[in-house]
Amino acid sequence: MRSSLTTSTSTELKTKKLPLNMESKSVREGTFKVFLYFLLMIISIAMLFPFFWLVRSALMNQVEIFTMPVKWLPSEFQWSNFKEALTAAPFERYFINTVLLVLLNVIGAVISNSFIAFGFSRIHFKTRNFWFGFVLMTLMLPGAVMVIPQFIGWKSVGAYNSYVPLALPAFFGNAFFIFLLRQFYASIPFEYDEAARVEGANYFQIWLKIIVPLSKPALITIAVFTFMGVWNDFMGPLLYLSDENKWTLALGLQGFQGQYSSQWNYLMAAATVMFAPLVILFFFAQKHIMSGANINGGIKG
């Protein structure tokens, strides 16, 4: 009798302590989440501070930028800085040149990398793994090592001072993009291919009508990365473009800095205009970038 009472009493105590343990666990989890969010907020502020300083300086006059103690906001917004900066150099021409290069590179990157990755992931041939490994080996080559040979090669074929060296390579694939798309395509069920072949579709039709529509997030990710790379590219145009009328925004901004090195408000205004499209693009494409960067983000089930 006593043993049964003792057993029932201990059971009741355990059942009473369980909610307290759960409550303490939830408190610890809540405290950790608060700390984590606070830490992320601090990191976000630190990451956004340079952009804030850029826009703040672009809207100030020359004196206020270097005033001590620091002025965090302009006493009067100098919107004329943008007009003065953009009319002091042919930024309209630079913008058109940059957009042209961006479009060519994006189109070439999306088509070529998607088609090559389709071959590595959906078509079986004997040397497939060898050639895919060979493609990945190119990622280990430092870019600086290839600068001089590439420059000599393009100059020898008469492509210097043209957009050919800056746009044509995009139509022949990129090792990282090929790897990203191959992993993404591998997660798409092969039953789609088999069903299409039963209906008489060839590999090109399977790629165009089945794989491409199912891989929009990954393709958008590649397009955004290519856009950012070409938009910010300085070394490529510096090497291959000698005619000022063919300059891109990155080169134009550098030339503008050489002429107006002391006019920091104009420089900041020009840099803000160049930086703004990247922020807008990432804001609208961030959902696709996050899903496309997931190499296991294909069709499930």
Protein backbone atom coordinates (compact mmCIF):
# COMPACT_ATOMS: atom_id res chain seq x y z
CA MET A 1 0.00 0.00 0.00
CA ARG A 2 2.77 2.41 0.96
CA SER A 3 4.75 1.58 -2.17
CA SER A 4 1.75 2.35 -4.37
CA LEU A 5 1.19 5.64 -2.56
CA THR A 6 4.86 6.53 -2.94
CA THR A 7 4.76 5.73 -6.65
CA SER A 8 1.63 7.81 -7.22
CA THR A 9 3.08 10.72 -5.23
CA SER A 10 6.33 10.76 -7.24
CA THR A 11 4.34 10.59 -10.46
CA GLU A 12 2.26 13.59 -9.40
CA LEU A 13 5.41 15.55 -8.54
CA LYS A 14 6.93 14.80 -11.94
CA THR A 15 3.76 15.89 -13.71
CA LYS A 16 3.74 19.10 -11.70
CA LYS A 17 7.39 19.87 -12.53
CA LEU A 18 6.94 19.31 -16.28
CA PRO A 19 5.14 22.58 -17.02
CA LEU A 20 7.79 24.47 -15.04
CA ASN A 21 10.55 22.89 -17.12
CA MET A 22 8.69 23.71 -20.32
CA GLU A 23 8.16 27.26 -19.15
CA SER A 24 11.84 27.74 -18.31
CA LYS A 25 12.80 26.27 -21.68
CA SER A 26 10.48 28.67 -23.50
CA VAL A 27 11.95 31.57 -21.50
CA ARG A 28 15.47 30.55 -22.51
CA GLU A 29 14.43 30.23 -26.14
CA GLY A 30 12.74 33.63 -26.01
CA THR A 31 15.81 35.22 -24.44
CA PHE A 32 18.05 33.67 -27.10
CA LYS A 33 15.78 34.94 -29.89
CA VAL A 34 15.82 38.45 -28.44
CA PHE A 35 19.61 38.36 -28.22
CA LEU A 36 19.86 36.98 -31.76
CA TYR A 37 17.55 39.65 -33.20
CA PHE A 38 19.44 42.36 -31.34
CA LEU A 39 22.75 41.05 -32.72
CA LEU A 40 21.35 40.92 -36.26
CA MET A 41 20.03 44.45 -35.87
CA ILE A 42 23.47 45.70 -34.82
CA ILE A 43 25.10 43.93 -37.78
CA SER A 44 22.48 45.31 -40.17
CA ILE A 45 23.09 48.85 -38.93
CA ALA A 46 26.83 48.40 -39.37
CA MET A 47 26.30 47.10 -42.92
CA LEU A 48 23.91 49.92 -43.86
CA PHE A 49 26.00 52.69 -42.35
CA PRO A 50 28.26 53.21 -45.44
CA PHE A 51 25.18 53.54 -47.64
CA PHE A 52 23.65 56.04 -45.21
CA TRP A 53 26.90 58.03 -45.20
CA LEU A 54 26.97 58.00 -49.00
CA VAL A 55 23.44 59.37 -49.38
CA ARG A 56 23.91 61.82 -46.51
CA SER A 57 27.07 63.26 -48.10
CA ALA A 58 25.39 63.42 -51.51
CA LEU A 59 22.73 65.73 -50.07
CA MET A 60 25.15 68.09 -48.27
CA ASN A 61 27.29 70.96 -49.37
CA GLN A 62 31.05 70.71 -49.35
CA VAL A 63 31.48 72.38 -45.95
CA GLU A 64 28.95 70.29 -44.03
CA ILE A 65 30.49 66.96 -45.07
CA PHE A 66 33.64 67.58 -43.01
CA THR A 67 32.08 69.65 -40.22
CA MET A 68 33.18 68.66 -36.71
CA PRO A 69 31.35 67.53 -34.69
CA VAL A 70 29.80 65.34 -37.36
CA LYS A 71 26.47 66.42 -38.82
CA TRP A 72 24.37 63.35 -39.41
CA LEU A 73 21.75 65.11 -41.51
CA PRO A 74 22.10 68.06 -43.89
CA SER A 75 20.70 71.36 -42.71
CA GLU A 76 19.27 71.81 -46.21
CA PHE A 77 18.97 69.05 -48.79
CA GLN A 78 21.18 69.88 -51.77
CA TRP A 79 19.29 68.11 -54.57
CA SER A 80 21.20 70.18 -57.08
CA ASN A 81 24.28 68.05 -56.37
CA PHE A 82 22.83 65.26 -58.50
CA LYS A 83 22.15 67.57 -61.43
CA GLU A 84 25.59 69.15 -61.24
CA ALA A 85 27.31 65.78 -60.98
CA LEU A 86 25.43 64.11 -63.81
CA THR A 87 25.84 67.04 -66.20
CA ALA A 88 29.54 67.53 -65.47
CA ALA A 89 30.37 64.33 -67.38
CA PRO A 90 28.53 62.38 -70.12
CA PHE A 91 26.96 59.96 -67.66
CA GLU A 92 24.03 59.39 -70.02
CA ARG A 93 26.41 57.85 -72.54
CA TYR A 94 28.13 55.84 -69.81
CA PHE A 95 24.76 54.58 -68.61
CA ILE A 96 23.72 53.44 -72.08
CA ASN A 97 27.04 51.65 -72.58
CA THR A 98 26.73 49.90 -69.23
CA VAL A 99 23.13 48.82 -69.86
CA LEU A 100 24.15 47.41 -73.25
CA LEU A 101 26.93 45.36 -71.69
CA VAL A 102 24.66 44.21 -68.88
CA LEU A 103 21.98 43.00 -71.31
CA LEU A 104 24.48 41.11 -73.47
CA ASN A 105 26.11 39.45 -70.48
CA VAL A 106 22.84 38.53 -68.79
CA ILE A 107 21.42 36.99 -71.96
CA GLY A 108 24.64 35.11 -72.64
CA ALA A 109 25.03 33.90 -69.05
CA VAL A 110 21.45 32.65 -68.70
CA ILE A 111 21.40 30.81 -72.04
CA SER A 112 24.90 29.31 -72.04
CA ASN A 113 25.11 28.25 -68.40
CA SER A 114 21.62 26.79 -68.44
CA PHE A 115 22.29 24.79 -71.61
CA ILE A 116 25.69 23.50 -70.44
CA ALA A 117 24.36 22.57 -67.00
CA PHE A 118 21.48 20.73 -68.65
CA GLY A 119 23.96 18.57 -70.54
CA PHE A 120 25.95 17.77 -67.40
CA SER A 121 22.88 16.93 -65.31
CA ARG A 122 20.34 15.34 -67.68
CA ILE A 123 22.37 13.73 -70.50
CA HIS A 124 24.44 10.63 -69.76
CA PHE A 125 27.70 10.12 -71.65
CA LYS A 126 30.94 8.37 -70.74
CA THR A 127 33.19 11.35 -70.08
CA ARG A 128 30.57 13.50 -68.38
CA ASN A 129 32.18 13.46 -64.93
CA PHE A 130 35.62 14.08 -66.39
CA TRP A 131 34.55 17.18 -68.29
CA PHE A 132 32.52 18.47 -65.37
CA GLY A 133 35.55 18.09 -63.10
CA PHE A 134 37.63 19.86 -65.72
CA VAL A 135 35.17 22.76 -65.69
CA LEU A 136 35.35 22.96 -61.89
CA MET A 137 39.15 23.00 -62.05
CA THR A 138 38.96 26.38 -63.78
CA LEU A 139 37.60 27.83 -60.54
CA MET A 140 41.03 27.27 -58.99
CA LEU A 141 42.74 29.53 -61.53
CA PRO A 142 43.33 33.02 -60.08
CA GLY A 143 41.81 35.73 -62.22
CA ALA A 144 45.01 37.78 -62.13
CA VAL A 145 46.91 34.95 -63.84
CA MET A 146 44.61 35.09 -66.87
CA VAL A 147 44.58 38.87 -67.37
CA ILE A 148 47.70 39.21 -69.54
CA PRO A 149 47.11 36.13 -71.76
CA GLN A 150 43.49 37.16 -72.34
CA PHE A 151 44.49 40.73 -73.15
CA ILE A 152 47.14 39.58 -75.65
CA GLY A 153 44.68 37.16 -77.23
CA TRP A 154 41.89 39.70 -77.68
CA LYS A 155 44.27 42.34 -78.96
CA SER A 156 45.78 39.94 -81.49
CA VAL A 157 42.36 39.29 -83.04
CA GLY A 158 41.57 43.01 -83.24
CA ALA A 159 39.01 43.10 -80.42
CA TYR A 160 40.78 45.82 -78.43
CA ASN A 161 38.71 48.96 -77.77
CA SER A 162 35.47 47.08 -78.40
CA TYR A 163 32.80 45.39 -76.31
CA VAL A 164 33.66 41.92 -77.65
CA PRO A 165 36.04 40.93 -74.80
CA LEU A 166 33.51 42.20 -72.26
CA ALA A 167 30.43 40.45 -73.69
CA LEU A 168 31.41 37.43 -75.79
CA PRO A 169 32.82 35.27 -72.91
CA ALA A 170 29.40 35.30 -71.25
CA PHE A 171 28.06 33.14 -74.11
CA PHE A 172 30.52 30.32 -73.29
CA GLY A 173 29.55 29.61 -69.68
CA ASN A 174 30.88 30.26 -66.22
CA ALA A 175 32.15 27.42 -64.03
CA PHE A 176 30.41 28.56 -60.85
CA PHE A 177 27.08 29.16 -62.59
CA ILE A 178 27.31 25.79 -64.34
CA PHE A 179 27.88 24.09 -60.98
CA LEU A 180 24.98 25.96 -59.37
CA LEU A 181 22.55 25.08 -62.16
CA ARG A 182 23.71 21.47 -62.43
CA GLN A 183 22.94 20.91 -58.75
CA PHE A 184 19.58 22.62 -59.17
CA TYR A 185 18.67 20.57 -62.24
CA ALA A 186 19.67 17.35 -60.49
CA SER A 187 16.85 17.91 -57.97
CA ILE A 188 14.22 17.99 -60.73
CA PRO A 189 12.67 14.49 -61.17
CA PHE A 190 13.82 12.64 -64.29
CA GLU A 191 10.27 11.42 -64.84
CA TYR A 192 9.58 14.73 -66.61
CA ASP A 193 12.29 13.94 -69.16
CA GLU A 194 11.05 10.40 -69.69
CA ALA A 195 7.47 11.54 -70.18
CA ALA A 196 8.61 14.18 -72.69
CA ARG A 197 10.70 11.64 -74.63
CA VAL A 198 7.69 9.32 -74.81
CA GLU A 199 5.82 12.19 -76.44
CA GLY A 200 8.62 12.56 -78.98
CA ALA A 201 10.46 15.55 -77.51
CA ASN A 202 14.20 15.91 -78.09
CA TYR A 203 16.77 17.20 -75.60
CA PHE A 204 16.47 20.79 -76.78
CA GLN A 205 12.69 20.76 -76.32
CA ILE A 206 13.04 19.20 -72.87
CA TRP A 207 15.50 21.92 -71.86
CA LEU A 208 13.44 24.76 -73.30
CA LYS A 209 9.91 23.71 -72.33
CA ILE A 210 10.45 21.77 -69.10
CA ILE A 211 13.76 22.52 -67.38
CA VAL A 212 13.94 26.27 -68.02
CA PRO A 213 10.41 27.06 -66.72
CA LEU A 214 11.04 24.95 -63.60
CA SER A 215 14.37 26.66 -62.83
CA LYS A 216 13.33 30.32 -62.90
CA PRO A 217 14.65 31.08 -59.37
CA ALA A 218 18.11 29.74 -60.22
CA LEU A 219 18.18 31.56 -63.57
CA ILE A 220 17.10 34.81 -61.92
CA THR A 221 19.90 34.35 -59.38
CA ILE A 222 22.44 33.99 -62.18
CA ALA A 223 20.99 37.01 -63.97
CA VAL A 224 21.25 39.15 -60.82
CA PHE A 225 24.81 38.04 -60.07
CA THR A 226 25.81 38.76 -63.67
CA PHE A 227 24.11 42.15 -63.55
CA MET A 228 25.99 43.10 -60.39
CA GLY A 229 29.31 41.86 -61.73
CA VAL A 230 29.07 43.74 -65.03
CA TRP A 231 27.59 46.88 -63.48
CA ASN A 232 30.45 47.14 -60.98
CA ASP A 233 33.19 45.89 -63.30
CA PHE A 234 36.09 48.33 -63.45
CA MET A 235 39.09 46.25 -64.45
CA GLY A 236 37.60 44.86 -67.67
CA PRO A 237 36.59 48.19 -69.23
CA LEU A 238 39.85 49.73 -68.01
CA LEU A 239 41.86 47.11 -69.91
CA TYR A 240 39.90 46.95 -73.15
CA LEU A 241 38.29 50.38 -73.66
CA SER A 242 40.42 53.36 -74.62
CA ASP A 243 37.70 55.43 -76.31
CA GLU A 244 35.92 57.62 -73.75
CA ASN A 245 32.66 57.35 -75.70
CA LYS A 246 32.64 53.61 -74.92
CA TRP A 247 33.31 53.94 -71.21
CA THR A 248 31.01 52.37 -68.64
CA LEU A 249 29.71 53.96 -65.45
CA ALA A 250 32.56 52.51 -63.37
CA LEU A 251 35.18 54.05 -65.66
CA GLY A 252 33.23 57.27 -65.96
CA LEU A 253 32.98 57.60 -62.20
CA GLN A 254 36.72 57.06 -61.87
CA GLY A 255 37.39 59.75 -64.49
CA PHE A 256 34.94 62.05 -62.75
CA GLN A 257 36.80 61.50 -59.49
CA GLY A 258 40.04 62.57 -61.15
CA GLN A 259 38.47 65.84 -62.27
CA TYR A 260 36.46 66.61 -59.14
CA SER A 261 38.55 65.01 -56.41
CA SER A 262 37.88 67.92 -54.05
CA GLN A 263 34.12 68.13 -54.72
CA TRP A 264 33.08 65.28 -52.47
CA ASN A 265 29.40 66.18 -52.58
CA TYR A 266 29.36 65.75 -56.38
CA LEU A 267 31.34 62.51 -56.13
CA MET A 268 28.94 61.11 -53.56
CA ALA A 269 25.96 62.13 -55.69
CA ALA A 270 27.37 60.37 -58.75
CA ALA A 271 28.23 57.28 -56.70
CA THR A 272 24.70 57.21 -55.26
CA VAL A 273 23.17 57.23 -58.73
CA MET A 274 25.44 54.36 -59.78
CA PHE A 275 24.72 52.36 -56.62
CA ALA A 276 20.93 52.86 -56.56
CA PRO A 277 20.01 50.36 -59.36
CA LEU A 278 21.79 47.56 -57.49
CA VAL A 279 19.78 48.24 -54.33
CA ILE A 280 16.51 48.36 -56.27
CA LEU A 281 17.35 45.17 -58.16
CA PHE A 282 18.25 43.24 -55.03
CA PHE A 283 15.13 44.50 -53.23
CA PHE A 284 12.81 43.07 -55.90
CA ALA A 285 14.83 39.91 -56.62
CA GLN A 286 15.87 38.86 -53.10
CA LYS A 287 13.15 36.21 -52.84
CA HIS A 288 14.29 34.53 -56.06
CA ILE A 289 17.94 34.87 -55.05
CA MET A 290 17.38 33.07 -51.74
CA SER A 291 15.42 30.24 -53.36
CA GLY A 292 17.70 30.00 -56.38
CA ALA A 293 20.88 29.88 -54.30
CA ASN A 294 19.54 26.73 -52.63
CA ILE A 295 21.12 23.93 -54.68
CA ASN A 296 18.44 21.54 -53.43
CA GLY A 297 15.64 23.89 -54.35
CA GLY A 298 14.21 22.00 -57.30
CA ILE A 299 10.88 20.19 -57.52
CA LYS A 300 10.16 18.00 -54.52
CA GLY A 301 8.12 14.83 -54.58
